[in-house]
Amino acid sequence: MIAAGADLKIYVATRPIDFRCGHDGLAAKVQEMLRLDPFSGAAFVFRSKRADRIKILVWDRTGLVLVHKRLEGCKFVWPTIADGVMRMSPAMFAALFEGLDWRLVRPEEARRPQVAG
């Protein structure tokens, strides 16, 4: 599993891809479709047409890592299909990976202290 720390940048392709693509094909899609660097250390998330599968591509400084997950009996919640890419927080990514509705993940509003000390 990919450790989705606070500093991990996660990009989601909003258009389904051909799931026959492997490491090199997805790296090319990151460059061509998303206009991003596949070797930046960011995680790139792709979906299938049926929305029951995702592929995640990450460069870990030694090679390209490809994670493929298929949900049984349900579908991933996905943004509206359009050309482009969207950014996702690590918490939203964790919810997506678990098959949950990532749109319900919201950060708590931090309150500023009234008094120091």
Protein backbone atom coordinates (compact mmCIF):
# COMPACT_ATOMS: atom_id res chain seq x y z
CA MET A 1 0.00 0.00 0.00
CA ILE A 2 1.10 3.54 -0.64
CA ALA A 3 1.73 5.52 2.52
CA ALA A 4 -0.42 8.60 2.02
CA GLY A 5 1.40 11.02 4.29
CA ALA A 6 0.52 14.68 4.58
CA ASP A 7 3.21 15.63 2.06
CA LEU A 8 2.12 13.16 -0.66
CA LYS A 9 0.53 14.92 -3.62
CA ILE A 10 -2.33 12.93 -5.13
CA TYR A 11 -3.70 13.65 -8.60
CA VAL A 12 -6.84 12.04 -9.99
CA ALA A 13 -7.46 11.70 -13.73
CA THR A 14 -11.11 12.57 -14.22
CA ARG A 15 -11.54 10.62 -17.48
CA PRO A 16 -11.54 6.79 -17.57
CA ILE A 17 -8.53 5.09 -19.19
CA ASP A 18 -7.87 1.85 -21.05
CA PHE A 19 -7.05 -0.54 -18.21
CA ARG A 20 -4.69 -2.59 -20.36
CA CYS A 21 -2.07 0.14 -19.74
CA GLY A 22 0.85 -0.83 -17.56
CA HIS A 23 3.63 1.18 -15.91
CA ASP A 24 4.98 2.79 -19.06
CA GLY A 25 1.58 3.47 -20.62
CA LEU A 26 0.31 5.17 -17.48
CA ALA A 27 3.51 7.22 -17.14
CA ALA A 28 2.95 8.42 -20.71
CA LYS A 29 -0.67 9.32 -19.88
CA VAL A 30 0.52 11.35 -16.88
CA GLN A 31 2.80 13.33 -19.20
CA GLU A 32 0.41 13.69 -22.13
CA MET A 33 -3.07 13.90 -20.57
CA LEU A 34 -2.34 15.43 -17.19
CA ARG A 35 0.75 17.47 -18.20
CA LEU A 36 2.55 16.38 -15.02
CA ASP A 37 5.83 14.59 -14.24
CA PRO A 38 5.28 10.88 -13.46
CA PHE A 39 8.66 10.78 -11.69
CA SER A 40 7.83 13.58 -9.21
CA GLY A 41 6.92 11.21 -6.37
CA ALA A 42 3.23 12.14 -6.54
CA ALA A 43 0.50 9.48 -6.74
CA PHE A 44 -1.58 9.40 -9.91
CA VAL A 45 -4.99 7.72 -9.70
CA PHE A 46 -6.81 6.37 -12.76
CA ARG A 47 -10.24 4.74 -13.07
CA SER A 48 -11.83 2.16 -15.33
CA LYS A 49 -14.95 2.84 -17.38
CA ARG A 50 -17.08 0.77 -15.01
CA ALA A 51 -15.66 2.64 -11.97
CA ASP A 52 -15.10 -0.62 -10.09
CA ARG A 53 -11.31 -0.54 -10.57
CA ILE A 54 -8.53 1.94 -9.95
CA LYS A 55 -4.84 2.00 -10.79
CA ILE A 56 -2.39 4.11 -8.83
CA LEU A 57 1.05 4.99 -10.22
CA VAL A 58 3.84 6.30 -7.98
CA TRP A 59 7.59 6.81 -8.47
CA ASP A 60 9.31 5.75 -5.22
CA ARG A 61 12.83 6.87 -6.28
CA THR A 62 13.82 3.30 -7.21
CA GLY A 63 11.10 2.48 -9.74
CA LEU A 64 7.49 2.91 -10.76
CA VAL A 65 4.99 1.28 -8.40
CA LEU A 66 1.61 0.27 -9.83
CA VAL A 67 -1.28 -0.63 -7.53
CA HIS A 68 -4.44 -2.12 -9.03
CA LYS A 69 -7.59 -2.52 -6.93
CA ARG A 70 -10.97 -3.97 -7.93
CA LEU A 71 -14.04 -3.59 -5.73
CA GLU A 72 -16.42 -6.52 -5.54
CA GLY A 73 -20.11 -5.71 -5.77
CA CYS A 74 -19.84 -1.92 -5.73
CA LYS A 75 -18.18 1.01 -7.46
CA PHE A 76 -15.75 3.74 -6.49
CA VAL A 77 -17.28 7.17 -5.99
CA TRP A 78 -15.77 9.30 -8.73
CA PRO A 79 -15.85 12.95 -9.78
CA THR A 80 -17.85 13.94 -12.85
CA ILE A 81 -16.21 12.64 -16.03
CA ALA A 82 -14.37 15.47 -17.78
CA ASP A 83 -10.99 16.14 -19.29
CA GLY A 84 -8.40 17.11 -16.75
CA VAL A 85 -7.04 16.33 -13.34
CA MET A 86 -8.05 17.12 -9.79
CA ARG A 87 -6.06 17.20 -6.57
CA MET A 88 -7.08 15.02 -3.63
CA SER A 89 -6.04 15.14 0.02
CA PRO A 90 -4.46 12.06 1.65
CA ALA A 91 -7.62 11.59 3.77
CA MET A 92 -9.82 11.69 0.67
CA PHE A 93 -7.47 9.24 -1.06
CA ALA A 94 -7.68 6.83 1.90
CA ALA A 95 -11.49 6.96 1.73
CA LEU A 96 -11.46 6.41 -2.05
CA PHE A 97 -9.09 3.45 -1.71
CA GLU A 98 -11.42 1.89 0.88
CA GLY A 99 -14.38 2.29 -1.49
CA LEU A 100 -16.01 5.00 0.65
CA ASP A 101 -17.53 8.28 -0.50
CA TRP A 102 -14.43 10.50 -0.35
CA ARG A 103 -16.58 13.62 -0.92
CA LEU A 104 -17.80 13.35 2.67
CA VAL A 105 -14.26 13.73 4.07
CA ARG A 106 -13.84 17.28 5.33
CA PRO A 107 -11.08 18.69 7.52
CA GLU A 108 -12.12 19.99 10.90
CA GLU A 109 -12.06 23.72 11.17
CA ALA A 110 -9.20 24.75 13.44
CA ARG A 111 -10.13 27.36 15.99
CA ARG A 112 -7.63 30.01 16.86
CA PRO A 113 -6.84 30.19 20.59
CA GLN A 114 -8.05 33.32 22.35
CA VAL A 115 -5.17 33.40 24.82
CA ALA A 116 -1.60 32.16 24.60
CA GLY A 117 -0.34 29.88 27.35
